[in-house]
Amino acid sequence: MGDHLPDLDPAGVALVNTLGGVHAEHLALPTPCQDWTVQDLIAHVDGLTQAFTAAADKDFGPWTDTDPQQQSRDLAPGWAARIPRTVETLVRAWHRPEAWTGQTRAGGVDLPGEVAGLVALNEVVLHGWDLARATGQGYDVDHATAAAALGFVDEFDDAGSEGMFGPARPVPDDADTLDRALALSGRDPRWEPPG
């Protein structure tokens, strides 16, 4: 990894703005994540922000050792006020250069800090987009953030990666960077809620 570390700020701001537009009537809606409702996805975001903060801090325990597929999809009360704070804490944790060095753990998997930071960035970008699409909101991140997400998903097999991404989707030649990242993660950048 070079001297320039990815900045989670733009992705964090986009996610927090999107969460601010989610209301009770949205919670049962479907999302681009197969079989996940908006409520399920927000519960996942709640867990991942805390898990990747612990990974940045090298604070090993339940948050870093639990497989995300085994986490509860129950959305704890007070999420609308709590999760924006946990997103802010996540972003601050990855501002520290030492978070990107050495070994850490996330989802029960040991991995280099620089990889964990990219996973965290990618999760925030993709799930921010998922929530925005599911709730009819616009979603935009800067080019550097989209490029970092694209660079990360480009490392995976186009056939998909069990538990992470579905098979890559085709995109037009003139697709922008975020749409390319979405497509490589198995998402249809043109996805709309059914109905």
C-alpha atoms as a PDB file:
ATOM      1  CA  MET A   1       0.000   0.000   0.000  1.00  0.00           C
ATOM      2  CA  GLY A   2       1.288   3.441  -0.861  1.00  0.00           C
ATOM      3  CA  ASP A   3       1.576   6.528   1.307  1.00  0.00           C
ATOM      4  CA  HIS A   4      -1.939   7.643   0.396  1.00  0.00           C
ATOM      5  CA  LEU A   5      -4.518   5.847   2.533  1.00  0.00           C
ATOM      6  CA  PRO A   6      -8.136   5.709   1.395  1.00  0.00           C
ATOM      7  CA  ASP A   7     -10.424   8.169   3.188  1.00  0.00           C
ATOM      8  CA  LEU A   8     -13.664   6.727   4.546  1.00  0.00           C
ATOM      9  CA  ASP A   9     -15.139  10.208   5.129  1.00  0.00           C
ATOM     10  CA  PRO A  10     -17.061  10.598   1.836  1.00  0.00           C
ATOM     11  CA  ALA A  11     -18.538   7.108   2.071  1.00  0.00           C
ATOM     12  CA  GLY A  12     -19.451   7.685   5.728  1.00  0.00           C
ATOM     13  CA  VAL A  13     -21.170  10.979   4.940  1.00  0.00           C
ATOM     14  CA  ALA A  14     -23.120   9.384   2.079  1.00  0.00           C
ATOM     15  CA  LEU A  15     -24.232   6.518   4.336  1.00  0.00           C
ATOM     16  CA  VAL A  16     -25.283   8.815   7.187  1.00  0.00           C
ATOM     17  CA  ASN A  17     -27.228  11.032   4.765  1.00  0.00           C
ATOM     18  CA  THR A  18     -28.974   7.969   3.380  1.00  0.00           C
ATOM     19  CA  LEU A  19     -29.827   6.658   6.856  1.00  0.00           C
ATOM     20  CA  GLY A  20     -31.390  10.053   7.602  1.00  0.00           C
ATOM     21  CA  GLY A  21     -33.863   9.448   4.786  1.00  0.00           C
ATOM     22  CA  VAL A  22     -34.969   6.018   6.041  1.00  0.00           C
ATOM     23  CA  HIS A  23     -38.293   5.974   7.877  1.00  0.00           C
ATOM     24  CA  ALA A  24     -40.419   3.333   9.573  1.00  0.00           C
ATOM     25  CA  GLU A  25     -42.463   2.720   6.418  1.00  0.00           C
ATOM     26  CA  HIS A  26     -39.274   1.731   4.559  1.00  0.00           C
ATOM     27  CA  LEU A  27     -38.131  -1.008   6.953  1.00  0.00           C
ATOM     28  CA  ALA A  28     -40.023  -3.899   5.300  1.00  0.00           C
ATOM     29  CA  LEU A  29     -39.027  -2.935   1.740  1.00  0.00           C
ATOM     30  CA  PRO A  30     -36.776  -5.216  -0.330  1.00  0.00           C
ATOM     31  CA  THR A  31     -33.188  -4.200  -1.109  1.00  0.00           C
ATOM     32  CA  PRO A  32     -30.688  -5.094  -3.839  1.00  0.00           C
ATOM     33  CA  CYS A  33     -29.276  -7.609  -1.311  1.00  0.00           C
ATOM     34  CA  GLN A  34     -31.224 -10.765  -2.053  1.00  0.00           C
ATOM     35  CA  ASP A  35     -33.626 -11.786   0.730  1.00  0.00           C
ATOM     36  CA  TRP A  36     -32.734  -8.749   2.859  1.00  0.00           C
ATOM     37  CA  THR A  37     -35.211  -6.058   3.783  1.00  0.00           C
ATOM     38  CA  VAL A  38     -34.202  -2.496   4.614  1.00  0.00           C
ATOM     39  CA  GLN A  39     -34.432  -3.450   8.292  1.00  0.00           C
ATOM     40  CA  ASP A  40     -32.114  -6.445   7.765  1.00  0.00           C
ATOM     41  CA  LEU A  41     -29.626  -4.291   5.907  1.00  0.00           C
ATOM     42  CA  ILE A  42     -29.601  -1.571   8.560  1.00  0.00           C
ATOM     43  CA  ALA A  43     -29.023  -4.233  11.241  1.00  0.00           C
ATOM     44  CA  HIS A  44     -26.083  -5.488   9.166  1.00  0.00           C
ATOM     45  CA  VAL A  45     -24.701  -1.939   8.826  1.00  0.00           C
ATOM     46  CA  ASP A  46     -25.066  -1.514  12.591  1.00  0.00           C
ATOM     47  CA  GLY A  47     -22.937  -4.603  13.185  1.00  0.00           C
ATOM     48  CA  LEU A  48     -20.355  -3.976  10.484  1.00  0.00           C
ATOM     49  CA  THR A  49     -19.605  -0.427  11.652  1.00  0.00           C
ATOM     50  CA  GLN A  50     -18.851  -1.724  15.129  1.00  0.00           C
ATOM     51  CA  ALA A  51     -16.935  -4.758  13.857  1.00  0.00           C
ATOM     52  CA  PHE A  52     -14.680  -2.737  11.557  1.00  0.00           C
ATOM     53  CA  THR A  53     -14.080  -0.121  14.231  1.00  0.00           C
ATOM     54  CA  ALA A  54     -12.870  -2.948  16.478  1.00  0.00           C
ATOM     55  CA  ALA A  55     -10.745  -4.253  13.583  1.00  0.00           C
ATOM     56  CA  ALA A  56      -9.128  -0.819  13.157  1.00  0.00           C
ATOM     57  CA  ASP A  57      -8.454  -0.680  16.907  1.00  0.00           C
ATOM     58  CA  LYS A  58      -7.144  -4.288  16.942  1.00  0.00           C
ATOM     59  CA  ASP A  59      -9.683  -4.828  19.740  1.00  0.00           C
ATOM     60  CA  PHE A  60     -10.294  -8.543  19.260  1.00  0.00           C
ATOM     61  CA  GLY A  61     -13.426 -10.098  20.709  1.00  0.00           C
ATOM     62  CA  PRO A  62     -17.053 -10.748  19.762  1.00  0.00           C
ATOM     63  CA  TRP A  63     -17.205  -7.895  17.219  1.00  0.00           C
ATOM     64  CA  THR A  64     -14.183  -9.135  15.268  1.00  0.00           C
ATOM     65  CA  ASP A  65     -14.724 -12.866  15.738  1.00  0.00           C
ATOM     66  CA  THR A  66     -18.354 -13.300  14.632  1.00  0.00           C
ATOM     67  CA  ASP A  67     -19.177 -14.356  11.081  1.00  0.00           C
ATOM     68  CA  PRO A  68     -21.459 -11.614   9.665  1.00  0.00           C
ATOM     69  CA  GLN A  69     -23.773 -14.296   8.260  1.00  0.00           C
ATOM     70  CA  GLN A  70     -24.458 -15.378  11.856  1.00  0.00           C
ATOM     71  CA  GLN A  71     -25.294 -11.905  13.146  1.00  0.00           C
ATOM     72  CA  SER A  72     -28.841 -11.129  14.145  1.00  0.00           C
ATOM     73  CA  ARG A  73     -31.004  -9.246  11.671  1.00  0.00           C
ATOM     74  CA  ASP A  74     -32.965  -7.749  14.566  1.00  0.00           C
ATOM     75  CA  LEU A  75     -32.702  -3.983  14.502  1.00  0.00           C
ATOM     76  CA  ALA A  76     -32.058  -2.689  17.998  1.00  0.00           C
ATOM     77  CA  PRO A  77     -34.161   0.269  19.173  1.00  0.00           C
ATOM     78  CA  GLY A  78     -32.622   3.704  18.813  1.00  0.00           C
ATOM     79  CA  TRP A  79     -30.839   2.790  15.576  1.00  0.00           C
ATOM     80  CA  ALA A  80     -31.636   6.087  13.845  1.00  0.00           C
ATOM     81  CA  ALA A  81     -29.623   8.047  16.421  1.00  0.00           C
ATOM     82  CA  ARG A  82     -27.027   5.359  17.210  1.00  0.00           C
ATOM     83  CA  ILE A  83     -25.827   4.215  13.781  1.00  0.00           C
ATOM     84  CA  PRO A  84     -24.755   7.653  12.496  1.00  0.00           C
ATOM     85  CA  ARG A  85     -22.540   7.875  15.598  1.00  0.00           C
ATOM     86  CA  THR A  86     -21.055   4.422  14.971  1.00  0.00           C
ATOM     87  CA  VAL A  87     -20.374   5.391  11.342  1.00  0.00           C
ATOM     88  CA  GLU A  88     -18.541   8.500  12.561  1.00  0.00           C
ATOM     89  CA  THR A  89     -16.536   6.383  15.016  1.00  0.00           C
ATOM     90  CA  LEU A  90     -15.659   3.942  12.224  1.00  0.00           C
ATOM     91  CA  VAL A  91     -14.427   6.740   9.969  1.00  0.00           C
ATOM     92  CA  ARG A  92     -12.303   8.240  12.770  1.00  0.00           C
ATOM     93  CA  ALA A  93     -10.808   4.828  13.582  1.00  0.00           C
ATOM     94  CA  TRP A  94      -9.594   4.410   9.988  1.00  0.00           C
ATOM     95  CA  HIS A  95      -8.093   7.929   9.973  1.00  0.00           C
ATOM     96  CA  ARG A  96      -5.274   6.561  12.117  1.00  0.00           C
ATOM     97  CA  PRO A  97      -2.411   5.250   9.926  1.00  0.00           C
ATOM     98  CA  GLU A  98      -1.720   2.422  12.392  1.00  0.00           C
ATOM     99  CA  ALA A  99      -5.189   0.994  11.695  1.00  0.00           C
ATOM    100  CA  TRP A 100      -3.934   0.136   8.194  1.00  0.00           C
ATOM    101  CA  THR A 101      -0.815  -1.695   9.405  1.00  0.00           C
ATOM    102  CA  GLY A 102      -0.136  -5.096  10.910  1.00  0.00           C
ATOM    103  CA  GLN A 103      -2.660  -7.883  11.223  1.00  0.00           C
ATOM    104  CA  THR A 104      -6.239  -7.589  12.404  1.00  0.00           C
ATOM    105  CA  ARG A 105      -9.441  -9.614  12.325  1.00  0.00           C
ATOM    106  CA  ALA A 106     -12.936  -9.155  10.935  1.00  0.00           C
ATOM    107  CA  GLY A 107     -15.738 -11.680  10.644  1.00  0.00           C
ATOM    108  CA  GLY A 108     -13.549 -14.272  12.335  1.00  0.00           C
ATOM    109  CA  VAL A 109     -10.938 -13.974   9.575  1.00  0.00           C
ATOM    110  CA  ASP A 110      -7.381 -12.748  10.193  1.00  0.00           C
ATOM    111  CA  LEU A 111      -6.242 -10.285   7.542  1.00  0.00           C
ATOM    112  CA  PRO A 112      -3.840  -7.389   7.016  1.00  0.00           C
ATOM    113  CA  GLY A 113      -5.006  -4.019   8.320  1.00  0.00           C
ATOM    114  CA  GLU A 114      -4.829  -2.495   4.847  1.00  0.00           C
ATOM    115  CA  VAL A 115      -7.214  -5.162   3.517  1.00  0.00           C
ATOM    116  CA  ALA A 116      -9.608  -4.710   6.438  1.00  0.00           C
ATOM    117  CA  GLY A 117      -9.704  -0.969   5.773  1.00  0.00           C
ATOM    118  CA  LEU A 118     -10.620  -1.570   2.139  1.00  0.00           C
ATOM    119  CA  VAL A 119     -13.300  -4.067   3.149  1.00  0.00           C
ATOM    120  CA  ALA A 120     -14.739  -1.475   5.548  1.00  0.00           C
ATOM    121  CA  LEU A 121     -14.753   1.203   2.846  1.00  0.00           C
ATOM    122  CA  ASN A 122     -16.346  -1.161   0.354  1.00  0.00           C
ATOM    123  CA  GLU A 123     -19.053  -2.255   2.797  1.00  0.00           C
ATOM    124  CA  VAL A 124     -19.978   1.351   3.563  1.00  0.00           C
ATOM    125  CA  VAL A 125     -20.088   2.319  -0.128  1.00  0.00           C
ATOM    126  CA  LEU A 126     -22.061  -0.695  -1.356  1.00  0.00           C
ATOM    127  CA  HIS A 127     -24.529  -0.833   1.507  1.00  0.00           C
ATOM    128  CA  GLY A 128     -25.033   2.925   1.387  1.00  0.00           C
ATOM    129  CA  TRP A 129     -26.037   2.501  -2.251  1.00  0.00           C
ATOM    130  CA  ASP A 130     -28.230  -0.507  -1.389  1.00  0.00           C
ATOM    131  CA  LEU A 131     -30.148   1.514   1.209  1.00  0.00           C
ATOM    132  CA  ALA A 132     -30.487   4.527  -1.050  1.00  0.00           C
ATOM    133  CA  ARG A 133     -31.887   2.421  -3.897  1.00  0.00           C
ATOM    134  CA  ALA A 134     -34.267   0.534  -1.651  1.00  0.00           C
ATOM    135  CA  THR A 135     -35.691   3.749  -0.189  1.00  0.00           C
ATOM    136  CA  GLY A 136     -35.813   5.808  -3.385  1.00  0.00           C
ATOM    137  CA  GLN A 137     -32.970   8.163  -2.516  1.00  0.00           C
ATOM    138  CA  GLY A 138     -30.146   9.481  -4.640  1.00  0.00           C
ATOM    139  CA  TYR A 139     -26.649   8.267  -3.838  1.00  0.00           C
ATOM    140  CA  ASP A 140     -23.317   9.704  -4.842  1.00  0.00           C
ATOM    141  CA  VAL A 141     -19.727   9.400  -3.695  1.00  0.00           C
ATOM    142  CA  ASP A 142     -16.648  11.157  -5.013  1.00  0.00           C
ATOM    143  CA  HIS A 143     -14.509   9.595  -7.728  1.00  0.00           C
ATOM    144  CA  ALA A 144     -11.661   8.612  -5.367  1.00  0.00           C
ATOM    145  CA  THR A 145     -14.054   6.674  -3.120  1.00  0.00           C
ATOM    146  CA  ALA A 146     -15.746   4.954  -6.049  1.00  0.00           C
ATOM    147  CA  ALA A 147     -12.327   4.122  -7.526  1.00  0.00           C
ATOM    148  CA  ALA A 148     -11.159   2.582  -4.229  1.00  0.00           C
ATOM    149  CA  ALA A 149     -14.321   0.435  -4.114  1.00  0.00           C
ATOM    150  CA  LEU A 150     -13.834  -0.578  -7.745  1.00  0.00           C
ATOM    151  CA  GLY A 151     -10.196  -1.481  -7.124  1.00  0.00           C
ATOM    152  CA  PHE A 152     -11.231  -3.708  -4.236  1.00  0.00           C
ATOM    153  CA  VAL A 153     -14.053  -5.606  -5.994  1.00  0.00           C
ATOM    154  CA  ASP A 154     -11.923  -5.939  -9.135  1.00  0.00           C
ATOM    155  CA  GLU A 155      -9.686  -8.352  -7.180  1.00  0.00           C
ATOM    156  CA  PHE A 156     -12.493 -10.931  -6.929  1.00  0.00           C
ATOM    157  CA  ASP A 157     -13.479 -13.606  -9.423  1.00  0.00           C
ATOM    158  CA  ASP A 158     -16.199 -12.477 -11.847  1.00  0.00           C
ATOM    159  CA  ALA A 159     -18.080 -15.669 -10.944  1.00  0.00           C
ATOM    160  CA  GLY A 160     -18.668 -14.247  -7.459  1.00  0.00           C
ATOM    161  CA  SER A 161     -17.352 -14.939  -3.997  1.00  0.00           C
ATOM    162  CA  GLU A 162     -19.424 -17.014  -1.581  1.00  0.00           C
ATOM    163  CA  GLY A 163     -20.707 -14.905   1.291  1.00  0.00           C
ATOM    164  CA  MET A 164     -19.438 -11.660  -0.246  1.00  0.00           C
ATOM    165  CA  PHE A 165     -20.465 -11.012  -3.841  1.00  0.00           C
ATOM    166  CA  GLY A 166     -22.684 -12.537  -6.478  1.00  0.00           C
ATOM    167  CA  PRO A 167     -21.525 -13.017 -10.065  1.00  0.00           C
ATOM    168  CA  ALA A 168     -20.436  -9.810 -11.810  1.00  0.00           C
ATOM    169  CA  ARG A 169     -23.077  -8.048 -13.918  1.00  0.00           C
ATOM    170  CA  PRO A 170     -22.462  -6.507 -17.341  1.00  0.00           C
ATOM    171  CA  VAL A 171     -22.368  -2.721 -17.630  1.00  0.00           C
ATOM    172  CA  PRO A 172     -22.188  -0.437 -20.673  1.00  0.00           C
ATOM    173  CA  ASP A 173     -18.748   0.663 -21.865  1.00  0.00           C
ATOM    174  CA  ASP A 174     -19.488   4.212 -20.698  1.00  0.00           C
ATOM    175  CA  ALA A 175     -20.566   3.180 -17.166  1.00  0.00           C
ATOM    176  CA  ASP A 176     -19.167   5.388 -14.422  1.00  0.00           C
ATOM    177  CA  THR A 177     -16.781   4.161 -11.746  1.00  0.00           C
ATOM    178  CA  LEU A 178     -19.427   3.554  -9.080  1.00  0.00           C
ATOM    179  CA  ASP A 179     -21.635   1.595 -11.500  1.00  0.00           C
ATOM    180  CA  ARG A 180     -18.645  -0.563 -12.435  1.00  0.00           C
ATOM    181  CA  ALA A 181     -17.955  -1.279  -8.748  1.00  0.00           C
ATOM    182  CA  LEU A 182     -21.607  -2.136  -8.179  1.00  0.00           C
ATOM    183  CA  ALA A 183     -21.693  -4.461 -11.188  1.00  0.00           C
ATOM    184  CA  LEU A 184     -18.502  -6.260 -10.160  1.00  0.00           C
ATOM    185  CA  SER A 185     -20.042  -6.837  -6.727  1.00  0.00           C
ATOM    186  CA  GLY A 186     -22.982  -8.616  -8.386  1.00  0.00           C
ATOM    187  CA  ARG A 187     -25.411  -5.690  -8.235  1.00  0.00           C
ATOM    188  CA  ASP A 188     -27.473  -4.293 -11.067  1.00  0.00           C
ATOM    189  CA  PRO A 189     -26.719  -0.543 -11.054  1.00  0.00           C
ATOM    190  CA  ARG A 190     -30.215   0.010 -12.524  1.00  0.00           C
ATOM    191  CA  TRP A 191     -31.952  -1.953  -9.746  1.00  0.00           C
ATOM    192  CA  GLU A 192     -35.316  -0.523  -8.681  1.00  0.00           C
ATOM    193  CA  PRO A 193     -37.675  -1.722  -5.949  1.00  0.00           C
ATOM    194  CA  PRO A 194     -40.319  -4.075  -7.352  1.00  0.00           C
ATOM    195  CA  GLY A 195     -43.730  -2.639  -8.109  1.00  0.00           C
END
